[in-house]
Amino acid sequence: MKAIRLLNDENGNSYFEIGTLPEYFTIDALYFNIQTKVESYQQLQHKAPRYQYVVTLKGKLEFTTSDGKQFLIEPGILLVAKDTEGKGHSWKIIEGENWERIYIVPNQNAPDYFQKD
């Protein structure tokens, strides 16, 4: 499955990698939650609160990393958020009015299984 991973460079700036997640792997999850509410602060530059997977169910978003580069997230593209330091990233909804998503929070030491293209 197509995936995008957010990371931090040695200076704490966020950047992204495009790749995939393999089929049939198990996430050592601590918990998950569903979110539909979009708060204005979430659209400002922020770091990920923890290492987490974000599964978009509805909406199309444009993310901007602190290095100024952009990518799109929509259903069918998993986000692996690991930019937990520095300035972080921002996003805006570019299609639809809502962003329906599931956050899966793994054990913070668990591998992410991301395979860079």
PDB file of N, CA and C in Angstrom:
ATOM      1  N   MET A   1       0.842  -1.173   0.000  1.00  0.00           N
ATOM      2  CA  MET A   1       0.000   0.000   0.000  1.00  0.00           C
ATOM      3  C   MET A   1       0.889   1.239   0.000  1.00  0.00           C
ATOM      4  N   LYS A   2       0.480   2.225  -0.767  1.00  0.00           N
ATOM      5  CA  LYS A   2       1.241   3.463  -0.857  1.00  0.00           C
ATOM      6  C   LYS A   2       1.276   4.149   0.510  1.00  0.00           C
ATOM      7  N   ALA A   3       2.445   4.704   0.856  1.00  0.00           N
ATOM      8  CA  ALA A   3       2.604   5.369   2.150  1.00  0.00           C
ATOM      9  C   ALA A   3       3.572   6.540   2.007  1.00  0.00           C
ATOM     10  N   ILE A   4       3.416   7.495   2.908  1.00  0.00           N
ATOM     11  CA  ILE A   4       4.333   8.622   3.009  1.00  0.00           C
ATOM     12  C   ILE A   4       4.770   8.695   4.462  1.00  0.00           C
ATOM     13  N   ARG A   5       6.078   8.839   4.660  1.00  0.00           N
ATOM     14  CA  ARG A   5       6.617   8.904   6.013  1.00  0.00           C
ATOM     15  C   ARG A   5       7.189  10.287   6.277  1.00  0.00           C
ATOM     16  N   LEU A   6       6.764  10.896   7.370  1.00  0.00           N
ATOM     17  CA  LEU A   6       7.316  12.164   7.837  1.00  0.00           C
ATOM     18  C   LEU A   6       8.419  11.880   8.839  1.00  0.00           C
ATOM     19  N   LEU A   7       9.555  12.534   8.648  1.00  0.00           N
ATOM     20  CA  LEU A   7      10.723  12.350   9.516  1.00  0.00           C
ATOM     21  C   LEU A   7      11.340  13.703   9.845  1.00  0.00           C
ATOM     22  N   ASN A   8      12.327  13.687  10.725  1.00  0.00           N
ATOM     23  CA  ASN A   8      13.123  14.874  11.030  1.00  0.00           C
ATOM     24  C   ASN A   8      14.548  14.671  10.546  1.00  0.00           C
ATOM     25  N   ASP A   9      15.147  15.739  10.012  1.00  0.00           N
ATOM     26  CA  ASP A   9      16.559  15.672   9.665  1.00  0.00           C
ATOM     27  C   ASP A   9      17.389  15.992  10.913  1.00  0.00           C
ATOM     28  N   GLU A  10      18.705  16.038  10.748  1.00  0.00           N
ATOM     29  CA  GLU A  10      19.592  16.253  11.883  1.00  0.00           C
ATOM     30  C   GLU A  10      19.410  17.624  12.543  1.00  0.00           C
ATOM     31  N   ASN A  11      18.784  18.572  11.825  1.00  0.00           N
ATOM     32  CA  ASN A  11      18.509  19.904  12.376  1.00  0.00           C
ATOM     33  C   ASN A  11      17.100  20.026  12.953  1.00  0.00           C
ATOM     34  N   GLY A  12      16.339  18.937  12.915  1.00  0.00           N
ATOM     35  CA  GLY A  12      14.981  18.952  13.443  1.00  0.00           C
ATOM     36  C   GLY A  12      13.922  19.365  12.444  1.00  0.00           C
ATOM     37  N   ASN A  13      14.304  19.657  11.210  1.00  0.00           N
ATOM     38  CA  ASN A  13      13.323  20.019  10.189  1.00  0.00           C
ATOM     39  C   ASN A  13      12.605  18.765   9.693  1.00  0.00           C
ATOM     40  N   SER A  14      11.326  18.928   9.351  1.00  0.00           N
ATOM     41  CA  SER A  14      10.583  17.782   8.844  1.00  0.00           C
ATOM     42  C   SER A  14      10.779  17.657   7.330  1.00  0.00           C
ATOM     43  N   TYR A  15      10.769  16.421   6.881  1.00  0.00           N
ATOM     44  CA  TYR A  15      10.812  16.112   5.453  1.00  0.00           C
ATOM     45  C   TYR A  15      10.029  14.821   5.260  1.00  0.00           C
ATOM     46  N   PHE A  16       9.761  14.461   4.003  1.00  0.00           N
ATOM     47  CA  PHE A  16       8.976  13.251   3.767  1.00  0.00           C
ATOM     48  C   PHE A  16       9.667  12.328   2.776  1.00  0.00           C
ATOM     49  N   GLU A  17       9.283  11.066   2.868  1.00  0.00           N
ATOM     50  CA  GLU A  17       9.720  10.031   1.939  1.00  0.00           C
ATOM     51  C   GLU A  17       8.474   9.341   1.404  1.00  0.00           C
ATOM     52  N   ILE A  18       8.525   8.948   0.149  1.00  0.00           N
ATOM     53  CA  ILE A  18       7.427   8.224  -0.488  1.00  0.00           C
ATOM     54  C   ILE A  18       7.823   6.757  -0.574  1.00  0.00           C
ATOM     55  N   GLY A  19       6.885   5.881  -0.273  1.00  0.00           N
ATOM     56  CA  GLY A  19       7.179   4.455  -0.331  1.00  0.00           C
ATOM     57  C   GLY A  19       5.919   3.630  -0.181  1.00  0.00           C
ATOM     58  N   THR A  20       6.084   2.475   0.449  1.00  0.00           N
ATOM     59  CA  THR A  20       4.966   1.553   0.639  1.00  0.00           C
ATOM     60  C   THR A  20       5.054   0.899   2.016  1.00  0.00           C
ATOM     61  N   LEU A  21       3.938   0.322   2.409  1.00  0.00           N
ATOM     62  CA  LEU A  21       3.886  -0.564   3.564  1.00  0.00           C
ATOM     63  C   LEU A  21       3.509  -1.935   3.026  1.00  0.00           C
ATOM     64  N   PRO A  22       4.125  -2.987   3.536  1.00  0.00           N
ATOM     65  CA  PRO A  22       3.840  -4.324   3.016  1.00  0.00           C
ATOM     66  C   PRO A  22       2.447  -4.803   3.433  1.00  0.00           C
ATOM     67  N   GLU A  23       1.926  -5.725   2.659  1.00  0.00           N
ATOM     68  CA  GLU A  23       0.680  -6.376   3.068  1.00  0.00           C
ATOM     69  C   GLU A  23       1.002  -7.348   4.196  1.00  0.00           C
ATOM     70  N   TYR A  24       0.027  -7.601   5.020  1.00  0.00           N
ATOM     71  CA  TYR A  24       0.124  -8.616   6.066  1.00  0.00           C
ATOM     72  C   TYR A  24       1.230  -8.354   7.083  1.00  0.00           C
ATOM     73  N   PHE A  25       1.239  -7.171   7.645  1.00  0.00           N
ATOM     74  CA  PHE A  25       2.112  -6.948   8.787  1.00  0.00           C
ATOM     75  C   PHE A  25       1.244  -6.532   9.967  1.00  0.00           C
ATOM     76  N   THR A  26       1.738  -6.749  11.147  1.00  0.00           N
ATOM     77  CA  THR A  26       0.977  -6.444  12.344  1.00  0.00           C
ATOM     78  C   THR A  26       1.590  -5.239  13.032  1.00  0.00           C
ATOM     79  N   ILE A  27       0.755  -4.260  13.342  1.00  0.00           N
ATOM     80  CA  ILE A  27       1.191  -3.089  14.080  1.00  0.00           C
ATOM     81  C   ILE A  27       1.061  -3.408  15.569  1.00  0.00           C
ATOM     82  N   ASP A  28       2.148  -3.243  16.291  1.00  0.00           N
ATOM     83  CA  ASP A  28       2.137  -3.423  17.735  1.00  0.00           C
ATOM     84  C   ASP A  28       1.493  -2.175  18.335  1.00  0.00           C
ATOM     85  N   ALA A  29       0.162  -2.095  18.245  1.00  0.00           N
ATOM     86  CA  ALA A  29      -0.565  -0.867  18.592  1.00  0.00           C
ATOM     87  C   ALA A  29      -0.866  -0.781  20.080  1.00  0.00           C
ATOM     88  N   LEU A  30      -0.689   0.418  20.606  1.00  0.00           N
ATOM     89  CA  LEU A  30      -1.072   0.713  21.982  1.00  0.00           C
ATOM     90  C   LEU A  30      -2.554   1.073  22.038  1.00  0.00           C
ATOM     91  N   TYR A  31      -3.001   1.876  21.054  1.00  0.00           N
ATOM     92  CA  TYR A  31      -4.397   2.275  20.965  1.00  0.00           C
ATOM     93  C   TYR A  31      -4.637   2.948  19.622  1.00  0.00           C
ATOM     94  N   PHE A  32      -5.899   3.235  19.316  1.00  0.00           N
ATOM     95  CA  PHE A  32      -6.241   4.019  18.130  1.00  0.00           C
ATOM     96  C   PHE A  32      -7.404   4.914  18.483  1.00  0.00           C
ATOM     97  N   ASN A  33      -7.568   5.973  17.708  1.00  0.00           N
ATOM     98  CA  ASN A  33      -8.744   6.815  17.874  1.00  0.00           C
ATOM     99  C   ASN A  33      -9.195   7.330  16.520  1.00  0.00           C
ATOM    100  N   ILE A  34     -10.459   7.712  16.464  1.00  0.00           N
ATOM    101  CA  ILE A  34     -11.076   8.224  15.250  1.00  0.00           C
ATOM    102  C   ILE A  34     -11.278   9.719  15.448  1.00  0.00           C
ATOM    103  N   GLN A  35     -10.963  10.492  14.426  1.00  0.00           N
ATOM    104  CA  GLN A  35     -11.142  11.937  14.543  1.00  0.00           C
ATOM    105  C   GLN A  35     -11.753  12.497  13.272  1.00  0.00           C
ATOM    106  N   THR A  36     -12.737  13.340  13.443  1.00  0.00           N
ATOM    107  CA  THR A  36     -13.329  14.049  12.313  1.00  0.00           C
ATOM    108  C   THR A  36     -13.235  15.556  12.506  1.00  0.00           C
ATOM    109  N   LYS A  37     -13.093  15.986  13.733  1.00  0.00           N
ATOM    110  CA  LYS A  37     -13.036  17.411  14.036  1.00  0.00           C
ATOM    111  C   LYS A  37     -11.733  18.006  13.500  1.00  0.00           C
ATOM    112  N   VAL A  38     -11.848  19.148  12.865  1.00  0.00           N
ATOM    113  CA  VAL A  38     -10.684  19.874  12.361  1.00  0.00           C
ATOM    114  C   VAL A  38     -10.593  21.169  13.147  1.00  0.00           C
ATOM    115  N   GLU A  39      -9.538  21.305  13.917  1.00  0.00           N
ATOM    116  CA  GLU A  39      -9.326  22.515  14.712  1.00  0.00           C
ATOM    117  C   GLU A  39      -8.318  23.394  13.984  1.00  0.00           C
ATOM    118  N   SER A  40      -8.482  24.698  14.107  1.00  0.00           N
ATOM    119  CA  SER A  40      -7.627  25.623  13.357  1.00  0.00           C
ATOM    120  C   SER A  40      -6.154  25.452  13.683  1.00  0.00           C
ATOM    121  N   TYR A  41      -5.818  25.134  14.939  1.00  0.00           N
ATOM    122  CA  TYR A  41      -4.401  24.987  15.293  1.00  0.00           C
ATOM    123  C   TYR A  41      -3.751  23.827  14.554  1.00  0.00           C
ATOM    124  N   GLN A  42      -4.536  22.821  14.180  1.00  0.00           N
ATOM    125  CA  GLN A  42      -3.979  21.665  13.484  1.00  0.00           C
ATOM    126  C   GLN A  42      -3.488  22.034  12.087  1.00  0.00           C
ATOM    127  N   GLN A  43      -4.008  23.117  11.540  1.00  0.00           N
ATOM    128  CA  GLN A  43      -3.618  23.520  10.196  1.00  0.00           C
ATOM    129  C   GLN A  43      -2.368  24.405  10.203  1.00  0.00           C
ATOM    130  N   LEU A  44      -1.923  24.810  11.387  1.00  0.00           N
ATOM    131  CA  LEU A  44      -0.683  25.566  11.517  1.00  0.00           C
ATOM    132  C   LEU A  44       0.483  24.585  11.616  1.00  0.00           C
ATOM    133  N   GLN A  45       1.678  25.086  11.438  1.00  0.00           N
ATOM    134  CA  GLN A  45       2.848  24.211  11.501  1.00  0.00           C
ATOM    135  C   GLN A  45       2.957  23.606  12.902  1.00  0.00           C
ATOM    136  N   HIS A  46       3.085  22.287  12.940  1.00  0.00           N
ATOM    137  CA  HIS A  46       3.179  21.564  14.209  1.00  0.00           C
ATOM    138  C   HIS A  46       3.910  20.251  13.985  1.00  0.00           C
ATOM    139  N   LYS A  47       4.492  19.723  15.038  1.00  0.00           N
ATOM    140  CA  LYS A  47       5.141  18.415  14.953  1.00  0.00           C
ATOM    141  C   LYS A  47       4.131  17.334  15.319  1.00  0.00           C
ATOM    142  N   ALA A  48       4.410  16.123  14.920  1.00  0.00           N
ATOM    143  CA  ALA A  48       3.550  15.003  15.304  1.00  0.00           C
ATOM    144  C   ALA A  48       3.664  14.821  16.816  1.00  0.00           C
ATOM    145  N   PRO A  49       2.553  14.587  17.505  1.00  0.00           N
ATOM    146  CA  PRO A  49       2.615  14.444  18.957  1.00  0.00           C
ATOM    147  C   PRO A  49       3.310  13.167  19.409  1.00  0.00           C
ATOM    148  N   ARG A  50       3.397  12.204  18.508  1.00  0.00           N
ATOM    149  CA  ARG A  50       4.035  10.912  18.777  1.00  0.00           C
ATOM    150  C   ARG A  50       4.178  10.200  17.436  1.00  0.00           C
ATOM    151  N   TYR A  51       4.954   9.156  17.392  1.00  0.00           N
ATOM    152  CA  TYR A  51       5.011   8.278  16.225  1.00  0.00           C
ATOM    153  C   TYR A  51       3.626   7.654  16.082  1.00  0.00           C
ATOM    154  N   GLN A  52       3.022   7.820  14.880  1.00  0.00           N
ATOM    155  CA  GLN A  52       1.685   7.290  14.663  1.00  0.00           C
ATOM    156  C   GLN A  52       1.413   7.084  13.178  1.00  0.00           C
ATOM    157  N   TYR A  53       0.495   6.170  12.898  1.00  0.00           N
ATOM    158  CA  TYR A  53      -0.026   5.967  11.553  1.00  0.00           C
ATOM    159  C   TYR A  53      -1.311   6.768  11.447  1.00  0.00           C
ATOM    160  N   VAL A  54      -1.534   7.401  10.288  1.00  0.00           N
ATOM    161  CA  VAL A  54      -2.764   8.140  10.056  1.00  0.00           C
ATOM    162  C   VAL A  54      -3.423   7.553   8.814  1.00  0.00           C
ATOM    163  N   VAL A  55      -4.628   7.041   8.998  1.00  0.00           N
ATOM    164  CA  VAL A  55      -5.387   6.425   7.918  1.00  0.00           C
ATOM    165  C   VAL A  55      -6.504   7.389   7.534  1.00  0.00           C
ATOM    166  N   THR A  56      -6.425   7.955   6.345  1.00  0.00           N
ATOM    167  CA  THR A  56      -7.454   8.885   5.876  1.00  0.00           C
ATOM    168  C   THR A  56      -8.617   8.101   5.295  1.00  0.00           C
ATOM    169  N   LEU A  57      -9.803   8.380   5.812  1.00  0.00           N
ATOM    170  CA  LEU A  57     -11.024   7.744   5.322  1.00  0.00           C
ATOM    171  C   LEU A  57     -11.755   8.636   4.332  1.00  0.00           C
ATOM    172  N   LYS A  58     -11.694   9.961   4.561  1.00  0.00           N
ATOM    173  CA  LYS A  58     -12.400  10.913   3.715  1.00  0.00           C
ATOM    174  C   LYS A  58     -11.634  12.223   3.732  1.00  0.00           C
ATOM    175  N   GLY A  59     -11.502  12.840   2.550  1.00  0.00           N
ATOM    176  CA  GLY A  59     -10.822  14.123   2.417  1.00  0.00           C
ATOM    177  C   GLY A  59      -9.546  13.995   1.605  1.00  0.00           C
ATOM    178  N   LYS A  60      -9.118  15.093   1.059  1.00  0.00           N
ATOM    179  CA  LYS A  60      -7.858  15.175   0.328  1.00  0.00           C
ATOM    180  C   LYS A  60      -7.117  16.382   0.895  1.00  0.00           C
ATOM    181  N   LEU A  61      -5.872  16.164   1.303  1.00  0.00           N
ATOM    182  CA  LEU A  61      -5.110  17.195   1.994  1.00  0.00           C
ATOM    183  C   LEU A  61      -3.767  17.440   1.336  1.00  0.00           C
ATOM    184  N   GLU A  62      -3.322  18.670   1.456  1.00  0.00           N
ATOM    185  CA  GLU A  62      -1.981  19.034   1.020  1.00  0.00           C
ATOM    186  C   GLU A  62      -1.158  19.294   2.283  1.00  0.00           C
ATOM    187  N   PHE A  63      -0.107  18.519   2.462  1.00  0.00           N
ATOM    188  CA  PHE A  63       0.816  18.690   3.586  1.00  0.00           C
ATOM    189  C   PHE A  63       2.029  19.466   3.108  1.00  0.00           C
ATOM    190  N   THR A  64       2.553  20.323   3.969  1.00  0.00           N
ATOM    191  CA  THR A  64       3.789  21.055   3.700  1.00  0.00           C
ATOM    192  C   THR A  64       4.743  20.790   4.858  1.00  0.00           C
ATOM    193  N   THR A  65       5.934  20.307   4.546  1.00  0.00           N
ATOM    194  CA  THR A  65       6.935  20.050   5.575  1.00  0.00           C
ATOM    195  C   THR A  65       7.731  21.323   5.842  1.00  0.00           C
ATOM    196  N   SER A  66       8.490  21.321   6.928  1.00  0.00           N
ATOM    197  CA  SER A  66       9.234  22.527   7.286  1.00  0.00           C
ATOM    198  C   SER A  66      10.356  22.836   6.300  1.00  0.00           C
ATOM    199  N   ASP A  67      10.681  21.896   5.418  1.00  0.00           N
ATOM    200  CA  ASP A  67      11.644  22.200   4.348  1.00  0.00           C
ATOM    201  C   ASP A  67      10.961  22.817   3.127  1.00  0.00           C
ATOM    202  N   GLY A  68       9.635  23.058   3.218  1.00  0.00           N
ATOM    203  CA  GLY A  68       8.882  23.746   2.167  1.00  0.00           C
ATOM    204  C   GLY A  68       8.330  22.854   1.070  1.00  0.00           C
ATOM    205  N   LYS A  69       8.571  21.562   1.139  1.00  0.00           N
ATOM    206  CA  LYS A  69       8.068  20.645   0.112  1.00  0.00           C
ATOM    207  C   LYS A  69       6.670  20.171   0.473  1.00  0.00           C
ATOM    208  N   GLN A  70       5.921  19.746  -0.563  1.00  0.00           N
ATOM    209  CA  GLN A  70       4.525  19.384  -0.365  1.00  0.00           C
ATOM    210  C   GLN A  70       4.211  18.002  -0.920  1.00  0.00           C
ATOM    211  N   PHE A  71       3.176  17.379  -0.340  1.00  0.00           N
ATOM    212  CA  PHE A  71       2.659  16.106  -0.835  1.00  0.00           C
ATOM    213  C   PHE A  71       1.173  16.046  -0.522  1.00  0.00           C
ATOM    214  N   LEU A  72       0.483  15.121  -1.188  1.00  0.00           N
ATOM    215  CA  LEU A  72      -0.959  14.950  -1.002  1.00  0.00           C
ATOM    216  C   LEU A  72      -1.246  13.679  -0.212  1.00  0.00           C
ATOM    217  N   ILE A  73      -2.255  13.762   0.631  1.00  0.00           N
ATOM    218  CA  ILE A  73      -2.774  12.600   1.357  1.00  0.00           C
ATOM    219  C   ILE A  73      -4.257  12.493   1.034  1.00  0.00           C
ATOM    220  N   GLU A  74      -4.690  11.287   0.719  1.00  0.00           N
ATOM    221  CA  GLU A  74      -6.092  10.998   0.449  1.00  0.00           C
ATOM    222  C   GLU A  74      -6.322   9.525   0.771  1.00  0.00           C
ATOM    223  N   PRO A  75      -7.570   9.079   0.779  1.00  0.00           N
ATOM    224  CA  PRO A  75      -7.816   7.661   1.053  1.00  0.00           C
ATOM    225  C   PRO A  75      -6.969   6.777   0.134  1.00  0.00           C
ATOM    226  N   GLY A  76      -6.384   5.743   0.714  1.00  0.00           N
ATOM    227  CA  GLY A  76      -5.510   4.848  -0.038  1.00  0.00           C
ATOM    228  C   GLY A  76      -4.030   5.155   0.143  1.00  0.00           C
ATOM    229  N   ILE A  77      -3.696   6.253   0.811  1.00  0.00           N
ATOM    230  CA  ILE A  77      -2.309   6.600   1.113  1.00  0.00           C
ATOM    231  C   ILE A  77      -2.182   6.699   2.628  1.00  0.00           C
ATOM    232  N   LEU A  78      -1.360   5.852   3.207  1.00  0.00           N
ATOM    233  CA  LEU A  78      -1.153   5.876   4.652  1.00  0.00           C
ATOM    234  C   LEU A  78      -0.041   6.856   5.002  1.00  0.00           C
ATOM    235  N   LEU A  79      -0.221   7.571   6.084  1.00  0.00           N
ATOM    236  CA  LEU A  79       0.786   8.502   6.577  1.00  0.00           C
ATOM    237  C   LEU A  79       1.433   7.897   7.806  1.00  0.00           C
ATOM    238  N   VAL A  80       2.762   7.831   7.798  1.00  0.00           N
ATOM    239  CA  VAL A  80       3.527   7.392   8.956  1.00  0.00           C
ATOM    240  C   VAL A  80       4.192   8.646   9.516  1.00  0.00           C
ATOM    241  N   ALA A  81       3.635   9.170  10.593  1.00  0.00           N
ATOM    242  CA  ALA A  81       4.106  10.440  11.154  1.00  0.00           C
ATOM    243  C   ALA A  81       5.162  10.175  12.218  1.00  0.00           C
ATOM    244  N   LYS A  82       6.391  10.579  11.914  1.00  0.00           N
ATOM    245  CA  LYS A  82       7.495  10.409  12.856  1.00  0.00           C
ATOM    246  C   LYS A  82       8.300  11.701  13.007  1.00  0.00           C
ATOM    247  N   ASP A  83       7.731  12.827  12.587  1.00  0.00           N
ATOM    248  CA  ASP A  83       8.422  14.115  12.727  1.00  0.00           C
ATOM    249  C   ASP A  83       8.032  14.741  14.072  1.00  0.00           C
ATOM    250  N   THR A  84       8.559  14.168  15.113  1.00  0.00           N
ATOM    251  CA  THR A  84       8.195  14.531  16.482  1.00  0.00           C
ATOM    252  C   THR A  84       9.104  15.604  17.092  1.00  0.00           C
ATOM    253  N   GLU A  85       9.981  16.168  16.313  1.00  0.00           N
ATOM    254  CA  GLU A  85      10.917  17.205  16.774  1.00  0.00           C
ATOM    255  C   GLU A  85      10.754  18.441  15.895  1.00  0.00           C
ATOM    256  N   GLY A  86      11.322  19.535  16.301  1.00  0.00           N
ATOM    257  CA  GLY A  86      11.423  20.724  15.458  1.00  0.00           C
ATOM    258  C   GLY A  86      10.100  21.385  15.122  1.00  0.00           C
ATOM    259  N   LYS A  87      10.090  22.053  13.947  1.00  0.00           N
ATOM    260  CA  LYS A  87       8.935  22.847  13.525  1.00  0.00           C
ATOM    261  C   LYS A  87       7.768  22.004  13.042  1.00  0.00           C
ATOM    262  N   GLY A  88       8.041  20.872  12.449  1.00  0.00           N
ATOM    263  CA  GLY A  88       6.977  19.979  12.002  1.00  0.00           C
ATOM    264  C   GLY A  88       6.426  20.304  10.627  1.00  0.00           C
ATOM    265  N   HIS A  89       5.152  20.090  10.465  1.00  0.00           N
ATOM    266  CA  HIS A  89       4.467  20.173   9.177  1.00  0.00           C
ATOM    267  C   HIS A  89       3.152  20.938   9.352  1.00  0.00           C
ATOM    268  N   SER A  90       2.545  21.291   8.236  1.00  0.00           N
ATOM    269  CA  SER A  90       1.204  21.873   8.241  1.00  0.00           C
ATOM    270  C   SER A  90       0.402  21.181   7.154  1.00  0.00           C
ATOM    271  N   TRP A  91      -0.902  21.367   7.180  1.00  0.00           N
ATOM    272  CA  TRP A  91      -1.762  20.776   6.160  1.00  0.00           C
ATOM    273  C   TRP A  91      -2.997  21.632   5.969  1.00  0.00           C
ATOM    274  N   LYS A  92      -3.598  21.440   4.789  1.00  0.00           N
ATOM    275  CA  LYS A  92      -4.868  22.088   4.511  1.00  0.00           C
ATOM    276  C   LYS A  92      -5.712  21.153   3.666  1.00  0.00           C
ATOM    277  N   ILE A  93      -7.015  21.223   3.862  1.00  0.00           N
ATOM    278  CA  ILE A  93      -7.944  20.411   3.081  1.00  0.00           C
ATOM    279  C   ILE A  93      -8.093  21.068   1.719  1.00  0.00           C
ATOM    280  N   ILE A  94      -7.887  20.289   0.665  1.00  0.00           N
ATOM    281  CA  ILE A  94      -8.005  20.853  -0.680  1.00  0.00           C
ATOM    282  C   ILE A  94      -9.191  20.276  -1.451  1.00  0.00           C
ATOM    283  N   GLU A  95      -9.802  19.220  -0.899  1.00  0.00           N
ATOM    284  CA  GLU A  95     -10.979  18.639  -1.547  1.00  0.00           C
ATOM    285  C   GLU A  95     -11.903  18.113  -0.462  1.00  0.00           C
ATOM    286  N   GLY A  96     -13.144  18.543  -0.491  1.00  0.00           N
ATOM    287  CA  GLY A  96     -14.096  18.170   0.540  1.00  0.00           C
ATOM    288  C   GLY A  96     -14.069  19.180   1.678  1.00  0.00           C
ATOM    289  N   GLU A  97     -14.924  18.956   2.639  1.00  0.00           N
ATOM    290  CA  GLU A  97     -15.010  19.867   3.778  1.00  0.00           C
ATOM    291  C   GLU A  97     -14.502  19.237   5.063  1.00  0.00           C
ATOM    292  N   ASN A  98     -14.331  17.928   5.072  1.00  0.00           N
ATOM    293  CA  ASN A  98     -13.933  17.226   6.286  1.00  0.00           C
ATOM    294  C   ASN A  98     -12.714  16.348   6.032  1.00  0.00           C
ATOM    295  N   TRP A  99     -12.011  16.069   7.121  1.00  0.00           N
ATOM    296  CA  TRP A  99     -10.939  15.078   7.092  1.00  0.00           C
ATOM    297  C   TRP A  99     -11.297  14.034   8.134  1.00  0.00           C
ATOM    298  N   GLU A 100     -11.761  12.892   7.672  1.00  0.00           N
ATOM    299  CA  GLU A 100     -12.080  11.786   8.558  1.00  0.00           C
ATOM    300  C   GLU A 100     -10.882  10.851   8.562  1.00  0.00           C
ATOM    301  N   ARG A 101     -10.382  10.544   9.777  1.00  0.00           N
ATOM    302  CA  ARG A 101      -9.156   9.789   9.866  1.00  0.00           C
ATOM    303  C   ARG A 101      -9.111   8.947  11.128  1.00  0.00           C
ATOM    304  N   ILE A 102      -8.259   7.939  11.060  1.00  0.00           N
ATOM    305  CA  ILE A 102      -7.986   7.077  12.205  1.00  0.00           C
ATOM    306  C   ILE A 102      -6.504   7.211  12.529  1.00  0.00           C
ATOM    307  N   TYR A 103      -6.208   7.437  13.788  1.00  0.00           N
ATOM    308  CA  TYR A 103      -4.827   7.445  14.268  1.00  0.00           C
ATOM    309  C   TYR A 103      -4.565   6.101  14.938  1.00  0.00           C
ATOM    310  N   ILE A 104      -3.528   5.432  14.495  1.00  0.00           N
ATOM    311  CA  ILE A 104      -3.092   4.189  15.130  1.00  0.00           C
ATOM    312  C   ILE A 104      -1.751   4.493  15.786  1.00  0.00           C
ATOM    313  N   VAL A 105      -1.697   4.341  17.095  1.00  0.00           N
ATOM    314  CA  VAL A 105      -0.491   4.674  17.846  1.00  0.00           C
ATOM    315  C   VAL A 105       0.213   3.374  18.233  1.00  0.00           C
ATOM    316  N   PRO A 106       1.355   3.098  17.585  1.00  0.00           N
ATOM    317  CA  PRO A 106       2.084   1.875  17.909  1.00  0.00           C
ATOM    318  C   PRO A 106       2.963   2.062  19.148  1.00  0.00           C
ATOM    319  N   ASN A 107       3.464   0.949  19.634  1.00  0.00           N
ATOM    320  CA  ASN A 107       4.518   1.000  20.632  1.00  0.00           C
ATOM    321  C   ASN A 107       5.613   1.877  20.026  1.00  0.00           C
ATOM    322  N   GLN A 108       6.079   2.852  20.740  1.00  0.00           N
ATOM    323  CA  GLN A 108       6.988   3.854  20.179  1.00  0.00           C
ATOM    324  C   GLN A 108       8.344   3.287  19.760  1.00  0.00           C
ATOM    325  N   ASN A 109       8.671   2.073  20.161  1.00  0.00           N
ATOM    326  CA  ASN A 109       9.914   1.411  19.744  1.00  0.00           C
ATOM    327  C   ASN A 109       9.685   0.398  18.623  1.00  0.00           C
ATOM    328  N   ALA A 110       8.437   0.225  18.219  1.00  0.00           N
ATOM    329  CA  ALA A 110       8.109  -0.759  17.187  1.00  0.00           C
ATOM    330  C   ALA A 110       8.586  -0.273  15.813  1.00  0.00           C
ATOM    331  N   PRO A 111       9.003  -1.196  14.950  1.00  0.00           N
ATOM    332  CA  PRO A 111       9.386  -0.795  13.584  1.00  0.00           C
ATOM    333  C   PRO A 111       8.180  -0.272  12.831  1.00  0.00           C
ATOM    334  N   ASP A 112       8.425   0.610  11.839  1.00  0.00           N
ATOM    335  CA  ASP A 112       7.309   1.170  11.077  1.00  0.00           C
ATOM    336  C   ASP A 112       7.009   0.409   9.785  1.00  0.00           C
ATOM    337  N   TYR A 113       7.885  -0.508   9.374  1.00  0.00           N
ATOM    338  CA  TYR A 113       7.707  -1.348   8.193  1.00  0.00           C
ATOM    339  C   TYR A 113       7.678  -0.580   6.877  1.00  0.00           C
ATOM    340  N   PHE A 114       8.003   0.681   6.928  1.00  0.00           N
ATOM    341  CA  PHE A 114       7.998   1.527   5.733  1.00  0.00           C
ATOM    342  C   PHE A 114       9.124   1.102   4.796  1.00  0.00           C
ATOM    343  N   GLN A 115       8.810   1.008   3.503  1.00  0.00           N
ATOM    344  CA  GLN A 115       9.801   0.662   2.476  1.00  0.00           C
ATOM    345  C   GLN A 115       9.889   1.831   1.501  1.00  0.00           C
ATOM    346  N   LYS A 116      10.994   2.555   1.559  1.00  0.00           N
ATOM    347  CA  LYS A 116      11.183   3.734   0.717  1.00  0.00           C
ATOM    348  C   LYS A 116      11.288   3.328  -0.756  1.00  0.00           C
ATOM    349  N   ASP A 117      10.628   4.094  -1.633  1.00  0.00           N
ATOM    350  CA  ASP A 117      10.723   3.850  -3.092  1.00  0.00           C
ATOM    351  C   ASP A 117      12.128   4.120  -3.587  1.00  0.00           C
TER     352      ASP A 117
END
